[in-house]
Structure formats: C-alpha cells, structure tokens
PDB file of N, CA and C in Angstrom:
ATOM      1  N   MET A   1     -26.377  31.043 -12.733  1.00  0.00           N
ATOM      2  CA  MET A   1     -26.456  29.731 -12.114  1.00  0.00           C
ATOM      3  C   MET A   1     -25.219  28.916 -12.498  1.00  0.00           C
ATOM      4  N   LEU A   2     -24.646  28.268 -11.518  1.00  0.00           N
ATOM      5  CA  LEU A   2     -23.443  27.461 -11.753  1.00  0.00           C
ATOM      6  C   LEU A   2     -23.803  26.093 -12.299  1.00  0.00           C
ATOM      7  N   SER A   3     -23.034  25.634 -13.230  1.00  0.00           N
ATOM      8  CA  SER A   3     -23.252  24.290 -13.758  1.00  0.00           C
ATOM      9  C   SER A   3     -22.451  23.300 -12.922  1.00  0.00           C
ATOM     10  N   PRO A   4     -22.928  22.056 -12.836  1.00  0.00           N
ATOM     11  CA  PRO A   4     -22.188  21.056 -12.053  1.00  0.00           C
ATOM     12  C   PRO A   4     -20.849  20.769 -12.694  1.00  0.00           C
ATOM     13  N   PRO A   5     -19.878  20.348 -11.888  1.00  0.00           N
ATOM     14  CA  PRO A   5     -18.568  20.027 -12.461  1.00  0.00           C
ATOM     15  C   PRO A   5     -18.674  18.825 -13.395  1.00  0.00           C
ATOM     16  N   PRO A   6     -17.829  18.756 -14.400  1.00  0.00           N
ATOM     17  CA  PRO A   6     -17.891  17.623 -15.326  1.00  0.00           C
ATOM     18  C   PRO A   6     -17.538  16.316 -14.606  1.00  0.00           C
ATOM     19  N   LEU A   7     -18.179  15.267 -15.044  1.00  0.00           N
ATOM     20  CA  LEU A   7     -17.910  13.958 -14.460  1.00  0.00           C
ATOM     21  C   LEU A   7     -16.558  13.446 -14.938  1.00  0.00           C
ATOM     22  N   LEU A   8     -15.832  12.876 -14.024  1.00  0.00           N
ATOM     23  CA  LEU A   8     -14.542  12.301 -14.356  1.00  0.00           C
ATOM     24  C   LEU A   8     -14.758  10.814 -14.607  1.00  0.00           C
ATOM     25  N   LEU A   9     -14.512  10.402 -15.797  1.00  0.00           N
ATOM     26  CA  LEU A   9     -14.713   9.010 -16.163  1.00  0.00           C
ATOM     27  C   LEU A   9     -13.378   8.285 -16.118  1.00  0.00           C
ATOM     28  N   LEU A  10     -13.280   7.338 -15.199  1.00  0.00           N
ATOM     29  CA  LEU A  10     -12.051   6.554 -15.074  1.00  0.00           C
ATOM     30  C   LEU A  10     -12.295   5.183 -15.680  1.00  0.00           C
ATOM     31  N   THR A  11     -11.365   4.726 -16.455  1.00  0.00           N
ATOM     32  CA  THR A  11     -11.501   3.412 -17.068  1.00  0.00           C
ATOM     33  C   THR A  11     -10.357   2.517 -16.607  1.00  0.00           C
ATOM     34  N   MET A  12     -10.641   1.256 -16.590  1.00  0.00           N
ATOM     35  CA  MET A  12      -9.641   0.275 -16.172  1.00  0.00           C
ATOM     36  C   MET A  12      -9.690  -0.871 -17.179  1.00  0.00           C
ATOM     37  N   LYS A  13      -8.555  -1.326 -17.577  1.00  0.00           N
ATOM     38  CA  LYS A  13      -8.493  -2.462 -18.487  1.00  0.00           C
ATOM     39  C   LYS A  13      -9.051  -3.698 -17.789  1.00  0.00           C
ATOM     40  N   ARG A  14      -9.740  -4.536 -18.546  1.00  0.00           N
ATOM     41  CA  ARG A  14     -10.349  -5.748 -17.989  1.00  0.00           C
ATOM     42  C   ARG A  14      -9.296  -6.664 -17.360  1.00  0.00           C
ATOM     43  N   ALA A  15      -8.157  -6.767 -17.979  1.00  0.00           N
ATOM     44  CA  ALA A  15      -7.085  -7.621 -17.456  1.00  0.00           C
ATOM     45  C   ALA A  15      -6.621  -7.118 -16.087  1.00  0.00           C
ATOM     46  N   VAL A  16      -6.551  -5.795 -15.930  1.00  0.00           N
ATOM     47  CA  VAL A  16      -6.154  -5.227 -14.637  1.00  0.00           C
ATOM     48  C   VAL A  16      -7.230  -5.515 -13.604  1.00  0.00           C
ATOM     49  N   TYR A  17      -8.492  -5.324 -13.989  1.00  0.00           N
ATOM     50  CA  TYR A  17      -9.602  -5.606 -13.082  1.00  0.00           C
ATOM     51  C   TYR A  17      -9.565  -7.063 -12.612  1.00  0.00           C
ATOM     52  N   LEU A  18      -9.387  -7.980 -13.547  1.00  0.00           N
ATOM     53  CA  LEU A  18      -9.348  -9.400 -13.184  1.00  0.00           C
ATOM     54  C   LEU A  18      -8.145  -9.710 -12.294  1.00  0.00           C
ATOM     55  N   SER A  19      -7.038  -9.048 -12.518  1.00  0.00           N
ATOM     56  CA  SER A  19      -5.863  -9.232 -11.659  1.00  0.00           C
ATOM     57  C   SER A  19      -6.137  -8.731 -10.251  1.00  0.00           C
ATOM     58  N   VAL A  20      -6.831  -7.604 -10.141  1.00  0.00           N
ATOM     59  CA  VAL A  20      -7.184  -7.069  -8.827  1.00  0.00           C
ATOM     60  C   VAL A  20      -8.111  -8.033  -8.099  1.00  0.00           C
ATOM     61  N   VAL A  21      -9.122  -8.542  -8.805  1.00  0.00           N
ATOM     62  CA  VAL A  21     -10.065  -9.486  -8.201  1.00  0.00           C
ATOM     63  C   VAL A  21      -9.336 -10.758  -7.764  1.00  0.00           C
ATOM     64  N   GLN A  22      -8.440 -11.251  -8.592  1.00  0.00           N
ATOM     65  CA  GLN A  22      -7.683 -12.452  -8.236  1.00  0.00           C
ATOM     66  C   GLN A  22      -6.841 -12.214  -6.982  1.00  0.00           C
ATOM     67  N   ARG A  23      -6.230 -11.054  -6.916  1.00  0.00           N
ATOM     68  CA  ARG A  23      -5.408 -10.707  -5.747  1.00  0.00           C
ATOM     69  C   ARG A  23      -6.265 -10.650  -4.484  1.00  0.00           C
ATOM     70  N   ILE A  24      -7.472 -10.113  -4.609  1.00  0.00           N
ATOM     71  CA  ILE A  24      -8.388 -10.041  -3.465  1.00  0.00           C
ATOM     72  C   ILE A  24      -8.790 -11.439  -3.022  1.00  0.00           C
ATOM     73  N   GLU A  25      -9.097 -12.316  -3.981  1.00  0.00           N
ATOM     74  CA  GLU A  25      -9.530 -13.677  -3.653  1.00  0.00           C
ATOM     75  C   GLU A  25      -8.426 -14.489  -2.991  1.00  0.00           C
ATOM     76  N   GLU A  26      -7.166 -14.123  -3.214  1.00  0.00           N
ATOM     77  CA  GLU A  26      -6.047 -14.839  -2.598  1.00  0.00           C
ATOM     78  C   GLU A  26      -5.895 -14.517  -1.118  1.00  0.00           C
ATOM     79  N   GLN A  27      -6.506 -13.431  -0.673  1.00  0.00           N
ATOM     80  CA  GLN A  27      -6.372 -13.012   0.724  1.00  0.00           C
ATOM     81  C   GLN A  27      -7.125 -13.972   1.634  1.00  0.00           C
ATOM     82  N   LYS A  28      -6.482 -14.397   2.697  1.00  0.00           N
ATOM     83  CA  LYS A  28      -7.109 -15.304   3.651  1.00  0.00           C
ATOM     84  C   LYS A  28      -7.893 -14.533   4.717  1.00  0.00           C
ATOM     85  N   VAL A  29      -7.348 -13.403   5.151  1.00  0.00           N
ATOM     86  CA  VAL A  29      -7.983 -12.578   6.172  1.00  0.00           C
ATOM     87  C   VAL A  29      -8.501 -11.317   5.511  1.00  0.00           C
ATOM     88  N   TRP A  30      -9.724 -10.933   5.838  1.00  0.00           N
ATOM     89  CA  TRP A  30     -10.332  -9.778   5.203  1.00  0.00           C
ATOM     90  C   TRP A  30     -10.098  -8.538   6.049  1.00  0.00           C
ATOM     91  N   ASP A  31      -9.189  -7.690   5.612  1.00  0.00           N
ATOM     92  CA  ASP A  31      -8.946  -6.387   6.219  1.00  0.00           C
ATOM     93  C   ASP A  31      -8.976  -5.384   5.069  1.00  0.00           C
ATOM     94  N   SER A  32     -10.101  -4.694   4.920  1.00  0.00           N
ATOM     95  CA  SER A  32     -10.309  -3.841   3.755  1.00  0.00           C
ATOM     96  C   SER A  32      -9.250  -2.766   3.608  1.00  0.00           C
ATOM     97  N   ARG A  33      -8.912  -2.109   4.689  1.00  0.00           N
ATOM     98  CA  ARG A  33      -7.927  -1.020   4.605  1.00  0.00           C
ATOM     99  C   ARG A  33      -6.563  -1.534   4.160  1.00  0.00           C
ATOM    100  N   GLN A  34      -6.130  -2.611   4.784  1.00  0.00           N
ATOM    101  CA  GLN A  34      -4.833  -3.187   4.417  1.00  0.00           C
ATOM    102  C   GLN A  34      -4.864  -3.694   2.981  1.00  0.00           C
ATOM    103  N   MET A  35      -5.997  -4.281   2.585  1.00  0.00           N
ATOM    104  CA  MET A  35      -6.124  -4.806   1.234  1.00  0.00           C
ATOM    105  C   MET A  35      -6.024  -3.684   0.203  1.00  0.00           C
ATOM    106  N   VAL A  36      -6.685  -2.555   0.460  1.00  0.00           N
ATOM    107  CA  VAL A  36      -6.611  -1.423  -0.460  1.00  0.00           C
ATOM    108  C   VAL A  36      -5.180  -0.891  -0.530  1.00  0.00           C
ATOM    109  N   ASP A  37      -4.509  -0.805   0.616  1.00  0.00           N
ATOM    110  CA  ASP A  37      -3.115  -0.345   0.623  1.00  0.00           C
ATOM    111  C   ASP A  37      -2.221  -1.277  -0.186  1.00  0.00           C
ATOM    112  N   ASP A  38      -2.403  -2.587  -0.013  1.00  0.00           N
ATOM    113  CA  ASP A  38      -1.611  -3.557  -0.768  1.00  0.00           C
ATOM    114  C   ASP A  38      -1.888  -3.458  -2.267  1.00  0.00           C
ATOM    115  N   LEU A  39      -3.165  -3.310  -2.612  1.00  0.00           N
ATOM    116  CA  LEU A  39      -3.526  -3.194  -4.026  1.00  0.00           C
ATOM    117  C   LEU A  39      -2.976  -1.912  -4.630  1.00  0.00           C
ATOM    118  N   LEU A  40      -2.991  -0.840  -3.863  1.00  0.00           N
ATOM    119  CA  LEU A  40      -2.468   0.428  -4.353  1.00  0.00           C
ATOM    120  C   LEU A  40      -0.967   0.330  -4.610  1.00  0.00           C
ATOM    121  N   ALA A  41      -0.256  -0.432  -3.765  1.00  0.00           N
ATOM    122  CA  ALA A  41       1.181  -0.630  -3.980  1.00  0.00           C
ATOM    123  C   ALA A  41       1.431  -1.493  -5.215  1.00  0.00           C
ATOM    124  N   GLU A  42       0.554  -2.468  -5.437  1.00  0.00           N
ATOM    125  CA  GLU A  42       0.735  -3.377  -6.574  1.00  0.00           C
ATOM    126  C   GLU A  42       0.240  -2.765  -7.891  1.00  0.00           C
ATOM    127  N   PHE A  43      -0.796  -1.917  -7.801  1.00  0.00           N
ATOM    128  CA  PHE A  43      -1.370  -1.282  -8.989  1.00  0.00           C
ATOM    129  C   PHE A  43      -1.362   0.237  -8.809  1.00  0.00           C
ATOM    130  N   PRO A  44      -0.185   0.856  -8.847  1.00  0.00           N
ATOM    131  CA  PRO A  44      -0.087   2.293  -8.561  1.00  0.00           C
ATOM    132  C   PRO A  44      -0.766   3.185  -9.598  1.00  0.00           C
ATOM    133  N   SER A  45      -0.985   2.688 -10.798  1.00  0.00           N
ATOM    134  CA  SER A  45      -1.607   3.523 -11.828  1.00  0.00           C
ATOM    135  C   SER A  45      -3.124   3.620 -11.663  1.00  0.00           C
ATOM    136  N   GLU A  46      -3.701   2.779 -10.800  1.00  0.00           N
ATOM    137  CA  GLU A  46      -5.155   2.792 -10.595  1.00  0.00           C
ATOM    138  C   GLU A  46      -5.507   3.711  -9.435  1.00  0.00           C
ATOM    139  N   SER A  47      -6.675   4.309  -9.498  1.00  0.00           N
ATOM    140  CA  SER A  47      -7.087   5.239  -8.450  1.00  0.00           C
ATOM    141  C   SER A  47      -7.500   4.470  -7.194  1.00  0.00           C
ATOM    142  N   VAL A  48      -7.299   5.095  -6.064  1.00  0.00           N
ATOM    143  CA  VAL A  48      -7.652   4.470  -4.796  1.00  0.00           C
ATOM    144  C   VAL A  48      -9.165   4.256  -4.718  1.00  0.00           C
ATOM    145  N   GLU A  49      -9.949   5.152  -5.324  1.00  0.00           N
ATOM    146  CA  GLU A  49     -11.400   5.006  -5.316  1.00  0.00           C
ATOM    147  C   GLU A  49     -11.832   3.755  -6.079  1.00  0.00           C
ATOM    148  N   SER A  50     -11.188   3.507  -7.215  1.00  0.00           N
ATOM    149  CA  SER A  50     -11.516   2.323  -8.009  1.00  0.00           C
ATOM    150  C   SER A  50     -11.174   1.044  -7.248  1.00  0.00           C
ATOM    151  N   LEU A  51     -10.000   1.013  -6.645  1.00  0.00           N
ATOM    152  CA  LEU A  51      -9.582  -0.177  -5.901  1.00  0.00           C
ATOM    153  C   LEU A  51     -10.488  -0.400  -4.693  1.00  0.00           C
ATOM    154  N   ARG A  52     -10.830   0.673  -4.010  1.00  0.00           N
ATOM    155  CA  ARG A  52     -11.721   0.562  -2.848  1.00  0.00           C
ATOM    156  C   ARG A  52     -13.096   0.033  -3.270  1.00  0.00           C
ATOM    157  N   SER A  53     -13.572   0.485  -4.417  1.00  0.00           N
ATOM    158  CA  SER A  53     -14.861   0.038  -4.935  1.00  0.00           C
ATOM    159  C   SER A  53     -14.835  -1.452  -5.266  1.00  0.00           C
ATOM    160  N   ILE A  54     -13.762  -1.914  -5.878  1.00  0.00           N
ATOM    161  CA  ILE A  54     -13.647  -3.339  -6.220  1.00  0.00           C
ATOM    162  C   ILE A  54     -13.572  -4.179  -4.950  1.00  0.00           C
ATOM    163  N   VAL A  55     -12.831  -3.723  -3.955  1.00  0.00           N
ATOM    164  CA  VAL A  55     -12.747  -4.448  -2.677  1.00  0.00           C
ATOM    165  C   VAL A  55     -14.132  -4.557  -2.057  1.00  0.00           C
ATOM    166  N   HIS A  56     -14.887  -3.467  -2.080  1.00  0.00           N
ATOM    167  CA  HIS A  56     -16.239  -3.488  -1.510  1.00  0.00           C
ATOM    168  C   HIS A  56     -17.142  -4.442  -2.282  1.00  0.00           C
ATOM    169  N   GLN A  57     -17.056  -4.428  -3.617  1.00  0.00           N
ATOM    170  CA  GLN A  57     -17.872  -5.337  -4.431  1.00  0.00           C
ATOM    171  C   GLN A  57     -17.578  -6.795  -4.078  1.00  0.00           C
ATOM    172  N   GLN A  58     -16.309  -7.121  -3.924  1.00  0.00           N
ATOM    173  CA  GLN A  58     -15.934  -8.495  -3.604  1.00  0.00           C
ATOM    174  C   GLN A  58     -16.406  -8.884  -2.201  1.00  0.00           C
ATOM    175  N   TYR A  59     -16.367  -7.928  -1.277  1.00  0.00           N
ATOM    176  CA  TYR A  59     -16.860  -8.192   0.075  1.00  0.00           C
ATOM    177  C   TYR A  59     -18.354  -8.515   0.047  1.00  0.00           C
ATOM    178  N   VAL A  60     -19.112  -7.737  -0.695  1.00  0.00           N
ATOM    179  CA  VAL A  60     -20.552  -7.966  -0.797  1.00  0.00           C
ATOM    180  C   VAL A  60     -20.823  -9.329  -1.442  1.00  0.00           C
ATOM    181  N   LEU A  61     -20.067  -9.678  -2.465  1.00  0.00           N
ATOM    182  CA  LEU A  61     -20.242 -10.989  -3.099  1.00  0.00           C
ATOM    183  C   LEU A  61     -19.986 -12.120  -2.114  1.00  0.00           C
ATOM    184  N   ARG A  62     -18.928 -11.993  -1.304  1.00  0.00           N
ATOM    185  CA  ARG A  62     -18.634 -13.026  -0.302  1.00  0.00           C
ATOM    186  C   ARG A  62     -19.737 -13.108   0.743  1.00  0.00           C
ATOM    187  N   ALA A  63     -20.213 -11.960   1.192  1.00  0.00           N
ATOM    188  CA  ALA A  63     -21.257 -11.945   2.218  1.00  0.00           C
ATOM    189  C   ALA A  63     -22.534 -12.579   1.693  1.00  0.00           C
ATOM    190  N   LYS A  64     -22.915 -12.255   0.477  1.00  0.00           N
ATOM    191  CA  LYS A  64     -24.137 -12.819  -0.096  1.00  0.00           C
ATOM    192  C   LYS A  64     -24.009 -14.315  -0.343  1.00  0.00           C
ATOM    193  N   SER A  65     -22.831 -14.745  -0.776  1.00  0.00           N
ATOM    194  CA  SER A  65     -22.668 -16.168  -1.096  1.00  0.00           C
ATOM    195  C   SER A  65     -22.615 -17.036   0.151  1.00  0.00           C
ATOM    196  N   SER A  66     -22.226 -16.471   1.290  1.00  0.00           N
ATOM    197  CA  SER A  66     -22.129 -17.295   2.502  1.00  0.00           C
ATOM    198  C   SER A  66     -23.290 -17.080   3.464  1.00  0.00           C
ATOM    199  N   TYR A  67     -24.233 -16.207   3.134  1.00  0.00           N
ATOM    200  CA  TYR A  67     -25.340 -15.906   4.041  1.00  0.00           C
ATOM    201  C   TYR A  67     -26.141 -17.155   4.396  1.00  0.00           C
ATOM    202  N   HIS A  68     -26.549 -17.904   3.379  1.00  0.00           N
ATOM    203  CA  HIS A  68     -27.406 -19.063   3.633  1.00  0.00           C
ATOM    204  C   HIS A  68     -26.682 -20.156   4.405  1.00  0.00           C
ATOM    205  N   TYR A  69     -25.381 -20.284   4.190  1.00  0.00           N
ATOM    206  CA  TYR A  69     -24.615 -21.279   4.952  1.00  0.00           C
ATOM    207  C   TYR A  69     -24.636 -20.941   6.441  1.00  0.00           C
ATOM    208  N   HIS A  70     -24.388 -19.676   6.770  1.00  0.00           N
ATOM    209  CA  HIS A  70     -24.293 -19.284   8.174  1.00  0.00           C
ATOM    210  C   HIS A  70     -25.646 -19.171   8.860  1.00  0.00           C
ATOM    211  N   ASN A  71     -26.724 -19.015   8.099  1.00  0.00           N
ATOM    212  CA  ASN A  71     -28.035 -18.812   8.692  1.00  0.00           C
ATOM    213  C   ASN A  71     -28.984 -19.990   8.507  1.00  0.00           C
ATOM    214  N   ALA A  72     -28.481 -21.088   8.003  1.00  0.00           N
ATOM    215  CA  ALA A  72     -29.310 -22.281   7.843  1.00  0.00           C
ATOM    216  C   ALA A  72     -29.608 -22.881   9.222  1.00  0.00           C
ATOM    217  N   PRO A  73     -30.797 -23.426   9.412  1.00  0.00           N
ATOM    218  CA  PRO A  73     -31.147 -24.006  10.718  1.00  0.00           C
ATOM    219  C   PRO A  73     -30.154 -25.073  11.193  1.00  0.00           C
ATOM    220  N   ARG A  74     -29.663 -25.901  10.275  1.00  0.00           N
ATOM    221  CA  ARG A  74     -28.704 -26.940  10.655  1.00  0.00           C
ATOM    222  C   ARG A  74     -27.420 -26.309  11.200  1.00  0.00           C
ATOM    223  N   ARG A  75     -26.949 -25.252  10.556  1.00  0.00           N
ATOM    224  CA  ARG A  75     -25.723 -24.570  10.991  1.00  0.00           C
ATOM    225  C   ARG A  75     -25.937 -23.898  12.347  1.00  0.00           C
ATOM    226  N   LYS A  76     -27.091 -23.293  12.545  1.00  0.00           N
ATOM    227  CA  LYS A  76     -27.388 -22.675  13.836  1.00  0.00           C
ATOM    228  C   LYS A  76     -27.396 -23.727  14.940  1.00  0.00           C
ATOM    229  N   ALA A  77     -27.969 -24.901  14.636  1.00  0.00           N
ATOM    230  CA  ALA A  77     -27.994 -25.983  15.624  1.00  0.00           C
ATOM    231  C   ALA A  77     -26.571 -26.449  15.939  1.00  0.00           C
ATOM    232  N   GLN A  78     -25.716 -26.535  14.919  1.00  0.00           N
ATOM    233  CA  GLN A  78     -24.324 -26.928  15.148  1.00  0.00           C
ATOM    234  C   GLN A  78     -23.607 -25.918  16.037  1.00  0.00           C
ATOM    235  N   LEU A  79     -23.822 -24.646  15.781  1.00  0.00           N
ATOM    236  CA  LEU A  79     -23.189 -23.612  16.599  1.00  0.00           C
ATOM    237  C   LEU A  79     -23.704 -23.660  18.035  1.00  0.00           C
ATOM    238  N   TYR A  80     -24.989 -23.877  18.192  1.00  0.00           N
ATOM    239  CA  TYR A  80     -25.567 -23.979  19.533  1.00  0.00           C
ATOM    240  C   TYR A  80     -24.949 -25.156  20.283  1.00  0.00           C
ATOM    241  N   GLN A  81     -24.825 -26.302  19.616  1.00  0.00           N
ATOM    242  CA  GLN A  81     -24.226 -27.474  20.252  1.00  0.00           C
ATOM    243  C   GLN A  81     -22.772 -27.213  20.613  1.00  0.00           C
ATOM    244  N   ALA A  82     -22.044 -26.504  19.769  1.00  0.00           N
ATOM    245  CA  ALA A  82     -20.646 -26.177  20.061  1.00  0.00           C
ATOM    246  C   ALA A  82     -20.549 -25.279  21.290  1.00  0.00           C
ATOM    247  N   VAL A  83     -21.465 -24.326  21.415  1.00  0.00           N
ATOM    248  CA  VAL A  83     -21.470 -23.448  22.590  1.00  0.00           C
ATOM    249  C   VAL A  83     -21.772 -24.252  23.846  1.00  0.00           C
ATOM    250  N   ILE A  84     -22.771 -25.117  23.786  1.00  0.00           N
ATOM    251  CA  ILE A  84     -23.130 -25.949  24.943  1.00  0.00           C
ATOM    252  C   ILE A  84     -21.971 -26.859  25.324  1.00  0.00           C
ATOM    253  N   LYS A  85     -21.290 -27.416  24.346  1.00  0.00           N
ATOM    254  CA  LYS A  85     -20.137 -28.290  24.610  1.00  0.00           C
ATOM    255  C   LYS A  85     -19.035 -27.517  25.331  1.00  0.00           C
ATOM    256  N   GLU A  86     -18.750 -26.296  24.861  1.00  0.00           N
ATOM    257  CA  GLU A  86     -17.735 -25.473  25.525  1.00  0.00           C
ATOM    258  C   GLU A  86     -18.154 -25.105  26.939  1.00  0.00           C
ATOM    259  N   LEU A  87     -19.427 -24.846  27.127  1.00  0.00           N
ATOM    260  CA  LEU A  87     -19.915 -24.535  28.470  1.00  0.00           C
ATOM    261  C   LEU A  87     -19.763 -25.742  29.396  1.00  0.00           C
ATOM    262  N   ASP A  88     -20.003 -26.933  28.865  1.00  0.00           N
ATOM    263  CA  ASP A  88     -19.832 -28.148  29.669  1.00  0.00           C
ATOM    264  C   ASP A  88     -18.374 -28.355  30.056  1.00  0.00           C
ATOM    265  N   LYS A  89     -17.455 -28.000  29.153  1.00  0.00           N
ATOM    266  CA  LYS A  89     -16.030 -28.116  29.457  1.00  0.00           C
ATOM    267  C   LYS A  89     -15.630 -27.159  30.572  1.00  0.00           C
ATOM    268  N   ASN A  90     -16.148 -25.970  30.523  1.00  0.00           N
ATOM    269  CA  ASN A  90     -15.808 -24.919  31.482  1.00  0.00           C
ATOM    270  C   ASN A  90     -16.949 -24.785  32.487  1.00  0.00           C
ATOM    271  N   GLN A  91     -16.902 -25.588  33.520  1.00  0.00           N
ATOM    272  CA  GLN A  91     -18.001 -25.634  34.476  1.00  0.00           C
ATOM    273  C   GLN A  91     -18.199 -24.318  35.216  1.00  0.00           C
ATOM    274  N   GLY A  92     -17.184 -23.469  35.281  1.00  0.00           N
ATOM    275  CA  GLY A  92     -17.312 -22.201  35.978  1.00  0.00           C
ATOM    276  C   GLY A  92     -18.232 -21.219  35.271  1.00  0.00           C
ATOM    277  N   MET A  93     -18.498 -21.466  34.010  1.00  0.00           N
ATOM    278  CA  MET A  93     -19.360 -20.567  33.246  1.00  0.00           C
ATOM    279  C   MET A  93     -20.812 -20.960  33.445  1.00  0.00           C
ATOM    280  N   GLN A  94     -21.687 -19.988  33.316  1.00  0.00           N
ATOM    281  CA  GLN A  94     -23.107 -20.247  33.491  1.00  0.00           C
ATOM    282  C   GLN A  94     -23.820 -20.133  32.150  1.00  0.00           C
ATOM    283  N   LEU A  95     -24.937 -20.855  32.074  1.00  0.00           N
ATOM    284  CA  LEU A  95     -25.755 -20.752  30.871  1.00  0.00           C
ATOM    285  C   LEU A  95     -26.378 -19.359  30.812  1.00  0.00           C
ATOM    286  N   GLY A  96     -26.547 -18.885  29.617  1.00  0.00           N
ATOM    287  CA  GLY A  96     -27.187 -17.587  29.420  1.00  0.00           C
ATOM    288  C   GLY A  96     -28.156 -17.669  28.259  1.00  0.00           C
ATOM    289  N   ILE A  97     -28.497 -16.543  27.727  1.00  0.00           N
ATOM    290  CA  ILE A  97     -29.424 -16.488  26.613  1.00  0.00           C
ATOM    291  C   ILE A  97     -28.622 -16.256  25.336  1.00  0.00           C
ATOM    292  N   ILE A  98     -28.940 -17.025  24.325  1.00  0.00           N
ATOM    293  CA  ILE A  98     -28.318 -16.829  23.023  1.00  0.00           C
ATOM    294  C   ILE A  98     -29.346 -16.130  22.141  1.00  0.00           C
ATOM    295  N   ASN A  99     -29.031 -14.937  21.744  1.00  0.00           N
ATOM    296  CA  ASN A  99     -29.941 -14.169  20.872  1.00  0.00           C
ATOM    297  C   ASN A  99     -29.743 -14.589  19.440  1.00  0.00           C
ATOM    298  N   ARG A 100     -30.833 -14.669  18.707  1.00  0.00           N
ATOM    299  CA  ARG A 100     -30.745 -14.989  17.300  1.00  0.00           C
ATOM    300  C   ARG A 100     -30.939 -13.757  16.482  1.00  0.00           C
TER     301      ARG A 100
END
C-alpha cells in the first residue's frame, strides 16, 4: 500500500503577510488574476498558491463586510428609485420586472 505524499508546509513571515494585505487593500479595482500577478512580481519569494489564498481571503472579508450595506431595505429602495429615475429620463425604455 502506498503512503500519501508528505505535506509541504510553507511559512510566511508576518511582516510579509501584512505587506501583502496592505498592497491588496490599496487596490481600487478588484481583479484577482491581475492582483496575484502584481503580488507575485512584488513578492517573488512567495508561492503563487499562498498569494492566491491571501487574495481570496481578502475578497471574502470585503464581501462579508459589505453584504448588509448592499442588502439593507433602505439601500434596495435607493437603488429602485435610481432605476426609476433613469427610466424617466429615457422615455424610450419600458418598465420591467426587477428581481430581488
């Protein structure tokens, strides 16, 4: 019977991790692939898997922290009013159904 391959344990210094997180937070537009490529160029000694994992963690943190803002009833009402206002501006468009 074959034994499983040994686990490869990769470690990263805390200062490097915090620098990576800071670099991610500075990004205005979220493009994961481009962000990983940029991080790999800036931190060549770190593995692409580690950088990709940190990018994903930060994405999840952003999504969780902004969920309630985007899904609050007041925000939904504001978005609905903005859509209706745009429809009023563009008379050629017709009202439709907005799915929630």
